[in-house]
C-alpha atoms as a PDB file:
ATOM      1  CA  MET A   1       0.306   0.311  -0.217  1.00  0.00           C
ATOM      2  CA  ASP A   2       1.322   3.449  -0.642  1.00  0.00           C
ATOM      3  CA  LEU A   3       0.940   5.799   1.901  1.00  0.00           C
ATOM      4  CA  GLY A   4       1.677   9.353  -0.194  1.00  0.00           C
ATOM      5  CA  LEU A   5       5.004  10.164   2.108  1.00  0.00           C
ATOM      6  CA  LYS A   6       7.509   9.648  -0.599  1.00  0.00           C
ATOM      7  CA  ASP A   7      10.006  12.191  -0.410  1.00  0.00           C
ATOM      8  CA  LYS A   8       7.994  14.438   2.343  1.00  0.00           C
ATOM      9  CA  VAL A   9      10.647  15.617   5.004  1.00  0.00           C
ATOM     10  CA  VAL A  10       9.524  13.964   9.451  1.00  0.00           C
ATOM     11  CA  VAL A  11      10.994  15.158  11.442  1.00  0.00           C
ATOM     12  CA  VAL A  12      10.992  13.172  14.610  1.00  0.00           C
ATOM     13  CA  THR A  13      12.645  14.224  17.968  1.00  0.00           C
ATOM     14  CA  GLY A  14      14.139  11.681  20.622  1.00  0.00           C
ATOM     15  CA  GLY A  15      14.583   9.176  16.442  1.00  0.00           C
ATOM     16  CA  SER A  16      17.552   7.745  17.214  1.00  0.00           C
ATOM     17  CA  ARG A  17      16.666   4.636  19.434  1.00  0.00           C
ATOM     18  CA  GLY A  18      13.493   2.762  21.079  1.00  0.00           C
ATOM     19  CA  ILE A  19       9.766   4.097  19.670  1.00  0.00           C
ATOM     20  CA  GLY A  20      11.532   7.023  17.406  1.00  0.00           C
ATOM     21  CA  ALA A  21      13.961   5.064  15.717  1.00  0.00           C
ATOM     22  CA  ALA A  22      11.391   2.507  14.010  1.00  0.00           C
ATOM     23  CA  CYS A  23       8.735   5.555  13.735  1.00  0.00           C
ATOM     24  CA  VAL A  24      12.438   7.150  11.385  1.00  0.00           C
ATOM     25  CA  GLU A  25      12.545   3.259  10.146  1.00  0.00           C
ATOM     26  CA  GLY A  26       8.959   3.113   9.395  1.00  0.00           C
ATOM     27  CA  PHE A  27       9.431   6.532   7.305  1.00  0.00           C
ATOM     28  CA  ALA A  28      12.649   5.930   4.871  1.00  0.00           C
ATOM     29  CA  ALA A  29      10.323   2.751   4.150  1.00  0.00           C
ATOM     30  CA  GLU A  30       7.286   4.937   2.729  1.00  0.00           C
ATOM     31  CA  GLY A  31      10.382   6.971   0.917  1.00  0.00           C
ATOM     32  CA  ALA A  32       9.875   9.972   3.254  1.00  0.00           C
ATOM     33  CA  ILE A  33      13.242  11.960   3.722  1.00  0.00           C
ATOM     34  CA  PRO A  34      13.393  11.421   8.360  1.00  0.00           C
ATOM     35  CA  VAL A  35      15.560  13.614  10.250  1.00  0.00           C
ATOM     36  CA  ILE A  36      16.270  13.344  14.231  1.00  0.00           C
ATOM     37  CA  VAL A  37      16.587  15.938  16.268  1.00  0.00           C
ATOM     38  CA  GLY A  38      18.496  14.972  19.648  1.00  0.00           C
ATOM     39  CA  ARG A  39      20.734  14.524  21.901  1.00  0.00           C
ATOM     40  CA  THR A  40      22.110  10.978  20.961  1.00  0.00           C
ATOM     41  CA  GLN A  41      23.863  12.158  17.401  1.00  0.00           C
ATOM     42  CA  GLU A  42      26.085   9.498  16.820  1.00  0.00           C
ATOM     43  CA  GLU A  43      23.464   7.195  17.144  1.00  0.00           C
ATOM     44  CA  GLY A  44      21.551   9.161  15.046  1.00  0.00           C
ATOM     45  CA  ARG A  45      23.784   9.707  12.397  1.00  0.00           C
ATOM     46  CA  THR A  46      23.868   5.927  12.056  1.00  0.00           C
ATOM     47  CA  LEU A  47      20.594   5.116  11.771  1.00  0.00           C
ATOM     48  CA  ILE A  48      20.821   7.541   8.828  1.00  0.00           C
ATOM     49  CA  GLU A  49      23.889   6.666   7.300  1.00  0.00           C
ATOM     50  CA  LYS A  50      22.230   2.427   7.609  1.00  0.00           C
ATOM     51  CA  LEU A  51      18.711   4.459   5.908  1.00  0.00           C
ATOM     52  CA  GLY A  52      21.022   6.204   2.633  1.00  0.00           C
ATOM     53  CA  ALA A  53      17.934   8.829   3.426  1.00  0.00           C
ATOM     54  CA  GLY A  54      17.931  12.205   5.823  1.00  0.00           C
ATOM     55  CA  ARG A  55      19.736  13.510   8.996  1.00  0.00           C
ATOM     56  CA  ALA A  56      20.602  13.979  11.903  1.00  0.00           C
ATOM     57  CA  ILE A  57      20.218  17.361  13.998  1.00  0.00           C
ATOM     58  CA  GLU A  58      22.364  17.285  17.430  1.00  0.00           C
ATOM     59  CA  ALA A  59      19.554  19.487  20.285  1.00  0.00           C
ATOM     60  CA  GLU A  60      19.603  19.986  23.557  1.00  0.00           C
ATOM     61  CA  LEU A  61      16.000  19.525  23.158  1.00  0.00           C
ATOM     62  CA  THR A  62      15.448  21.693  26.868  1.00  0.00           C
ATOM     63  CA  SER A  63      17.086  24.956  24.744  1.00  0.00           C
ATOM     64  CA  ASP A  64      14.653  27.157  23.108  1.00  0.00           C
ATOM     65  CA  GLU A  65      17.461  28.082  20.908  1.00  0.00           C
ATOM     66  CA  ALA A  66      17.933  24.625  20.068  1.00  0.00           C
ATOM     67  CA  CYS A  67      14.286  23.413  19.065  1.00  0.00           C
ATOM     68  CA  ARG A  68      14.626  26.998  15.810  1.00  0.00           C
ATOM     69  CA  ASN A  69      18.321  25.412  14.795  1.00  0.00           C
ATOM     70  CA  ALA A  70      16.514  22.573  14.250  1.00  0.00           C
ATOM     71  CA  ILE A  71      14.058  23.726  12.448  1.00  0.00           C
ATOM     72  CA  SER A  72      16.552  26.394  10.387  1.00  0.00           C
ATOM     73  CA  GLU A  73      18.804  23.601   9.819  1.00  0.00           C
ATOM     74  CA  THR A  74      16.137  21.459   8.549  1.00  0.00           C
ATOM     75  CA  LEU A  75      15.050  23.686   6.265  1.00  0.00           C
ATOM     76  CA  GLU A  76      17.995  25.021   4.751  1.00  0.00           C
ATOM     77  CA  ASN A  77      19.177  21.651   3.938  1.00  0.00           C
ATOM     78  CA  PHE A  78      15.470  19.804   2.675  1.00  0.00           C
ATOM     79  CA  GLY A  79      14.318  23.573   1.914  1.00  0.00           C
ATOM     80  CA  ARG A  80      10.698  22.440   3.064  1.00  0.00           C
ATOM     81  CA  ILE A  81       9.040  20.267   6.706  1.00  0.00           C
ATOM     82  CA  ASP A  82       6.247  17.874   5.353  1.00  0.00           C
ATOM     83  CA  GLY A  83       5.516  16.802   9.710  1.00  0.00           C
ATOM     84  CA  LEU A  84       6.703  16.469  13.345  1.00  0.00           C
ATOM     85  CA  VAL A  85       6.935  13.306  15.346  1.00  0.00           C
ATOM     86  CA  HIS A  86       7.396  14.663  18.959  1.00  0.00           C
ATOM     87  CA  ASN A  87       8.466  11.840  20.178  1.00  0.00           C
ATOM     88  CA  ALA A  88      11.413  12.529  22.996  1.00  0.00           C
ATOM     89  CA  GLY A  89      10.702  12.243  26.240  1.00  0.00           C
ATOM     90  CA  VAL A  90      11.199  10.959  29.735  1.00  0.00           C
ATOM     91  CA  ASN A  91       9.757   9.915  32.187  1.00  0.00           C
ATOM     92  CA  ASP A  92      11.575  11.167  34.922  1.00  0.00           C
ATOM     93  CA  ARG A  93      10.333  10.745  38.181  1.00  0.00           C
ATOM     94  CA  VAL A  94       8.966  13.946  39.521  1.00  0.00           C
ATOM     95  CA  SER A  95       6.707  13.480  42.055  1.00  0.00           C
ATOM     96  CA  LEU A  96       5.244  15.630  44.371  1.00  0.00           C
ATOM     97  CA  ARG A  97       7.863  15.712  46.955  1.00  0.00           C
ATOM     98  CA  SER A  98      10.135  16.949  44.832  1.00  0.00           C
ATOM     99  CA  GLY A  99       9.374  20.489  44.406  1.00  0.00           C
ATOM    100  CA  VAL A 100       8.863  23.600  41.946  1.00  0.00           C
ATOM    101  CA  ASP A 101      12.323  23.738  40.442  1.00  0.00           C
ATOM    102  CA  ASP A 102      12.256  20.099  39.528  1.00  0.00           C
ATOM    103  CA  PHE A 103       8.273  20.319  38.294  1.00  0.00           C
ATOM    104  CA  VAL A 104       9.638  22.629  35.830  1.00  0.00           C
ATOM    105  CA  GLN A 105      12.613  21.576  34.382  1.00  0.00           C
ATOM    106  CA  SER A 106      10.672  18.264  33.974  1.00  0.00           C
ATOM    107  CA  LEU A 107       7.877  20.330  31.648  1.00  0.00           C
ATOM    108  CA  ARG A 108      11.151  21.423  30.061  1.00  0.00           C
ATOM    109  CA  ARG A 109      12.414  18.433  29.530  1.00  0.00           C
ATOM    110  CA  ASN A 110       8.917  16.184  28.404  1.00  0.00           C
ATOM    111  CA  ILE A 111       6.416  19.380  27.099  1.00  0.00           C
ATOM    112  CA  VAL A 112       7.766  23.046  26.264  1.00  0.00           C
ATOM    113  CA  HIS A 113      10.064  21.813  23.261  1.00  0.00           C
ATOM    114  CA  VAL A 114       6.895  20.015  21.733  1.00  0.00           C
ATOM    115  CA  TYR A 115       5.145  23.875  21.697  1.00  0.00           C
ATOM    116  CA  ALA A 116       8.741  24.907  20.122  1.00  0.00           C
ATOM    117  CA  LEU A 117       9.772  23.223  17.163  1.00  0.00           C
ATOM    118  CA  THR A 118       6.142  23.125  16.884  1.00  0.00           C
ATOM    119  CA  HIS A 119       6.632  26.983  16.744  1.00  0.00           C
ATOM    120  CA  TYR A 120       9.184  27.389  15.131  1.00  0.00           C
ATOM    121  CA  ALA A 121       7.651  24.633  11.825  1.00  0.00           C
ATOM    122  CA  LEU A 122       4.642  26.945  11.674  1.00  0.00           C
ATOM    123  CA  ASP A 123       4.762  28.669   8.148  1.00  0.00           C
ATOM    124  CA  ALA A 124       6.852  25.245   7.344  1.00  0.00           C
ATOM    125  CA  LEU A 125       3.893  23.639   8.192  1.00  0.00           C
ATOM    126  CA  ILE A 126       1.181  25.453   6.923  1.00  0.00           C
ATOM    127  CA  GLU A 127       3.195  25.708   2.854  1.00  0.00           C
ATOM    128  CA  ALA A 128       3.223  21.941   3.624  1.00  0.00           C
ATOM    129  CA  LYS A 129      -0.288  21.444   4.124  1.00  0.00           C
ATOM    130  CA  GLY A 130       2.033  19.128   7.100  1.00  0.00           C
ATOM    131  CA  PHE A 131       0.902  17.437   9.809  1.00  0.00           C
ATOM    132  CA  VAL A 132       1.692  16.462  13.561  1.00  0.00           C
ATOM    133  CA  VAL A 133       1.897  13.847  15.725  1.00  0.00           C
ATOM    134  CA  ASN A 134       2.215  13.770  18.878  1.00  0.00           C
ATOM    135  CA  VAL A 135       3.986  10.503  20.723  1.00  0.00           C
ATOM    136  CA  THR A 136       1.835  10.900  24.377  1.00  0.00           C
ATOM    137  CA  SER A 137       1.088   7.868  27.128  1.00  0.00           C
ATOM    138  CA  LYS A 138      -1.788   5.653  28.526  1.00  0.00           C
ATOM    139  CA  VAL A 139      -0.256   7.880  32.146  1.00  0.00           C
ATOM    140  CA  PRO A 140      -2.667  10.671  31.445  1.00  0.00           C
ATOM    141  CA  GLU A 141      -5.648   7.990  31.299  1.00  0.00           C
ATOM    142  CA  THR A 142      -4.430   5.355  34.250  1.00  0.00           C
ATOM    143  CA  GLY A 143      -2.051   8.189  36.728  1.00  0.00           C
ATOM    144  CA  GLN A 144       1.309   6.344  38.192  1.00  0.00           C
ATOM    145  CA  GLY A 145       2.473   7.367  40.650  1.00  0.00           C
ATOM    146  CA  GLU A 146       6.088   9.678  41.654  1.00  0.00           C
ATOM    147  CA  THR A 147       5.786  11.157  39.072  1.00  0.00           C
ATOM    148  CA  SER A 148       3.402  14.357  38.979  1.00  0.00           C
ATOM    149  CA  GLY A 149       5.740  16.021  36.078  1.00  0.00           C
ATOM    150  CA  TYR A 150       5.389  13.908  33.439  1.00  0.00           C
ATOM    151  CA  ALA A 151       1.855  13.608  33.724  1.00  0.00           C
ATOM    152  CA  ALA A 152       1.492  16.689  33.262  1.00  0.00           C
ATOM    153  CA  SER A 153       3.514  16.660  30.207  1.00  0.00           C
ATOM    154  CA  LYS A 154       1.794  13.646  28.072  1.00  0.00           C
ATOM    155  CA  GLY A 155      -1.641  15.049  29.971  1.00  0.00           C
ATOM    156  CA  ALA A 156      -0.627  18.184  28.367  1.00  0.00           C
ATOM    157  CA  MET A 157       0.551  16.942  24.620  1.00  0.00           C
ATOM    158  CA  ASN A 158      -2.504  15.500  24.695  1.00  0.00           C
ATOM    159  CA  ALA A 159      -4.876  18.233  24.766  1.00  0.00           C
ATOM    160  CA  LEU A 160      -2.211  20.310  22.735  1.00  0.00           C
ATOM    161  CA  THR A 161      -3.507  17.026  19.958  1.00  0.00           C
ATOM    162  CA  ARG A 162      -7.269  18.680  20.278  1.00  0.00           C
ATOM    163  CA  GLU A 163      -6.354  22.190  19.947  1.00  0.00           C
ATOM    164  CA  TRP A 164      -3.504  22.838  17.350  1.00  0.00           C
ATOM    165  CA  ALA A 165      -5.998  19.988  15.183  1.00  0.00           C
ATOM    166  CA  LEU A 166      -8.739  22.997  15.441  1.00  0.00           C
ATOM    167  CA  ASP A 167      -6.756  25.894  15.651  1.00  0.00           C
ATOM    168  CA  LEU A 168      -5.158  24.524  12.466  1.00  0.00           C
ATOM    169  CA  ALA A 169      -7.600  22.515  10.431  1.00  0.00           C
ATOM    170  CA  LYS A 170      -8.039  25.811   8.305  1.00  0.00           C
ATOM    171  CA  PHE A 171      -4.241  25.309   6.821  1.00  0.00           C
ATOM    172  CA  GLY A 172      -5.114  21.662   6.250  1.00  0.00           C
ATOM    173  CA  ILE A 173      -2.570  20.841   8.789  1.00  0.00           C
ATOM    174  CA  ARG A 174      -4.405  17.666  10.672  1.00  0.00           C
ATOM    175  CA  VAL A 175      -2.916  16.947  14.378  1.00  0.00           C
ATOM    176  CA  ASN A 176      -2.912  13.659  16.130  1.00  0.00           C
ATOM    177  CA  ALA A 177      -1.645  11.595  18.652  1.00  0.00           C
ATOM    178  CA  VAL A 178      -0.857   7.964  19.924  1.00  0.00           C
ATOM    179  CA  ALA A 179      -0.747   6.925  23.239  1.00  0.00           C
ATOM    180  CA  PRO A 180       1.862   4.030  23.981  1.00  0.00           C
ATOM    181  CA  ALA A 181       1.248   1.777  27.150  1.00  0.00           C
ATOM    182  CA  GLU A 182       3.877  -1.125  28.222  1.00  0.00           C
ATOM    183  CA  VAL A 183       6.277  -1.269  24.641  1.00  0.00           C
ATOM    184  CA  LEU A 184       9.364  -3.101  25.311  1.00  0.00           C
ATOM    185  CA  THR A 185      12.472  -1.081  24.187  1.00  0.00           C
ATOM    186  CA  PRO A 186      15.650  -0.979  25.125  1.00  0.00           C
ATOM    187  CA  MET A 187      14.943   1.400  27.821  1.00  0.00           C
ATOM    188  CA  TYR A 188      12.067  -0.455  29.041  1.00  0.00           C
ATOM    189  CA  GLU A 189      14.017  -3.706  29.482  1.00  0.00           C
ATOM    190  CA  SER A 190      16.724  -1.646  31.299  1.00  0.00           C
ATOM    191  CA  TRP A 191      14.240  -0.362  33.685  1.00  0.00           C
ATOM    192  CA  ALA A 192      12.849  -3.702  34.222  1.00  0.00           C
ATOM    193  CA  GLN A 193      16.545  -5.295  34.985  1.00  0.00           C
ATOM    194  CA  GLY A 194      16.409  -3.176  38.341  1.00  0.00           C
ATOM    195  CA  LYS A 195      13.789  -5.023  40.005  1.00  0.00           C
ATOM    196  CA  GLU A 196      13.929  -7.970  41.997  1.00  0.00           C
ATOM    197  CA  ASP A 197      12.149 -10.104  39.561  1.00  0.00           C
ATOM    198  CA  PRO A 198      13.020  -9.166  36.336  1.00  0.00           C
ATOM    199  CA  VAL A 199      12.233 -11.845  34.328  1.00  0.00           C
ATOM    200  CA  GLY A 200       9.026 -12.673  36.842  1.00  0.00           C
ATOM    201  CA  TYR A 201       8.146  -8.459  36.284  1.00  0.00           C
ATOM    202  CA  LEU A 202       8.010  -8.094  32.497  1.00  0.00           C
ATOM    203  CA  ALA A 203       5.284 -11.701  33.488  1.00  0.00           C
ATOM    204  CA  GLU A 204       3.381  -9.786  35.213  1.00  0.00           C
ATOM    205  CA  VAL A 205       3.152  -6.714  33.336  1.00  0.00           C
ATOM    206  CA  CYS A 206       2.528  -9.381  30.527  1.00  0.00           C
ATOM    207  CA  GLU A 207      -0.538 -11.315  32.019  1.00  0.00           C
ATOM    208  CA  ARG A 208      -2.790  -7.969  32.790  1.00  0.00           C
ATOM    209  CA  ILE A 209      -2.557  -7.210  28.360  1.00  0.00           C
ATOM    210  CA  PRO A 210      -6.120  -8.200  27.442  1.00  0.00           C
ATOM    211  CA  LEU A 211      -5.113  -9.237  23.894  1.00  0.00           C
ATOM    212  CA  GLY A 212      -2.290 -12.063  23.457  1.00  0.00           C
ATOM    213  CA  GLN A 213      -1.096 -10.936  26.588  1.00  0.00           C
ATOM    214  CA  ARG A 214       2.235  -9.720  25.283  1.00  0.00           C
ATOM    215  CA  MET A 215       4.036  -6.373  25.058  1.00  0.00           C
ATOM    216  CA  THR A 216       3.635  -3.588  22.319  1.00  0.00           C
ATOM    217  CA  SER A 217       7.067  -3.617  19.886  1.00  0.00           C
ATOM    218  CA  ALA A 218       7.738  -0.515  19.015  1.00  0.00           C
ATOM    219  CA  GLU A 219       7.265  -0.682  15.038  1.00  0.00           C
ATOM    220  CA  GLU A 220       3.816  -1.469  16.381  1.00  0.00           C
ATOM    221  CA  ILE A 221       3.174   2.082  17.806  1.00  0.00           C
ATOM    222  CA  ALA A 222       5.779   3.546  14.728  1.00  0.00           C
ATOM    223  CA  ASN A 223       3.682   1.816  12.247  1.00  0.00           C
ATOM    224  CA  ALA A 224       0.041   3.761  14.011  1.00  0.00           C
ATOM    225  CA  VAL A 225       2.365   7.490  13.364  1.00  0.00           C
ATOM    226  CA  VAL A 226       3.438   6.354   9.946  1.00  0.00           C
ATOM    227  CA  PHE A 227      -0.531   5.548   9.150  1.00  0.00           C
ATOM    228  CA  LEU A 228      -1.227   9.274  11.290  1.00  0.00           C
ATOM    229  CA  ALA A 229       1.094  10.662   9.198  1.00  0.00           C
ATOM    230  CA  SER A 230       0.345   9.259   5.737  1.00  0.00           C
ATOM    231  CA  GLU A 231      -3.095  10.687   3.232  1.00  0.00           C
ATOM    232  CA  LYS A 232      -4.824   7.041   3.904  1.00  0.00           C
ATOM    233  CA  SER A 233      -5.670   8.824   7.281  1.00  0.00           C
ATOM    234  CA  SER A 234      -6.523  12.614   5.025  1.00  0.00           C
ATOM    235  CA  HIS A 235      -9.537  13.306   7.286  1.00  0.00           C
ATOM    236  CA  THR A 236      -8.464  11.619  10.599  1.00  0.00           C
ATOM    237  CA  THR A 237      -7.532  15.353  13.161  1.00  0.00           C
ATOM    238  CA  GLY A 238      -7.921  15.412  16.465  1.00  0.00           C
ATOM    239  CA  GLN A 239      -7.420  12.392  17.968  1.00  0.00           C
ATOM    240  CA  ILE A 240      -5.260   9.972  20.512  1.00  0.00           C
ATOM    241  CA  VAL A 241      -4.474   6.258  19.744  1.00  0.00           C
ATOM    242  CA  TYR A 242      -4.243   3.718  21.752  1.00  0.00           C
ATOM    243  CA  PRO A 243      -2.386   0.784  20.008  1.00  0.00           C
ATOM    244  CA  ASP A 244      -1.387  -0.653  23.245  1.00  0.00           C
ATOM    245  CA  GLY A 245      -3.230  -4.761  22.890  1.00  0.00           C
ATOM    246  CA  GLY A 246      -7.000  -3.228  24.842  1.00  0.00           C
ATOM    247  CA  TYR A 247      -4.494  -2.239  28.483  1.00  0.00           C
ATOM    248  CA  VAL A 248      -6.118   0.864  29.171  1.00  0.00           C
ATOM    249  CA  HIS A 249      -9.561   0.646  28.257  1.00  0.00           C
ATOM    250  CA  LEU A 250     -10.481  -2.751  28.304  1.00  0.00           C
ATOM    251  CA  ASP A 251     -11.013  -4.165  31.953  1.00  0.00           C
ATOM    252  CA  ARG A 252      -8.445  -6.594  32.904  1.00  0.00           C
ATOM    253  CA  SER A 253      -9.967  -8.762  35.576  1.00  0.00           C
ATOM    254  CA  TYR A 254     -12.270  -9.845  32.707  1.00  0.00           C
ATOM    255  CA  LEU A 255      -8.444 -12.504  32.182  1.00  0.00           C
ATOM    256  CA  ASN A 256      -8.433 -13.791  35.635  1.00  0.00           C
ATOM    257  CA  ASP A 257     -12.707 -15.221  35.788  1.00  0.00           C
ATOM    258  CA  ARG A 258     -11.004 -16.472  32.457  1.00  0.00           C
ATOM    259  CA  LYS A 259      -8.586 -18.275  34.389  1.00  0.00           C
ATOM    260  CA  SER A 260     -11.410 -19.481  37.541  1.00  0.00           C
END
């Protein structure tokens, strides 16, 4: 199926690893030109070299100037921006006990750059009648505990998805979101290793996922992102999609009832 993404210039933040890298690979497979923006430039360059198209731009996304420069560099090199995929972020465990300064810094790590990059790219997006896809999280729906900054940021991304979809519809720009739940990325696996019984912990997580009792792959998240960016979803905007095996919205107690 031709998704109509050939030669589209797509900026992907945090595109060097995990979900972001899977998105970059997905866009490249459709003939798009991915631009990776983030701190891990060496990994980004390696991925771009492997794919044979695109560019990796080093940027500390907590800096507004770095965000502006990343957009400027993209335009200087490719002359256009057709889409933004806001994937960069970190579940930094900034809780109510962390303090105001830490909370504000968490917002800068996780949500301020989303606004900044979109702001600086807006004229290019209007010219291209482009798209924005926000990679959010299950946390605004489910809560997680002890992660106020991340929860507030991802909740804000969901809200901005709806706000921008309405605000930018007059320009033909579509804005959607993909909300991962339990995704088996290298970062997740590394975090699980800190548990007393990593194997048992991962097995317990999988048991709570209704469809297939398995975690979602990064590629499955990327497939949703690429589809929402594509011409095949040309009349879809303001939507938050949950490719999570039913984790967030289905009653997981059903699984226990079925086993009994």
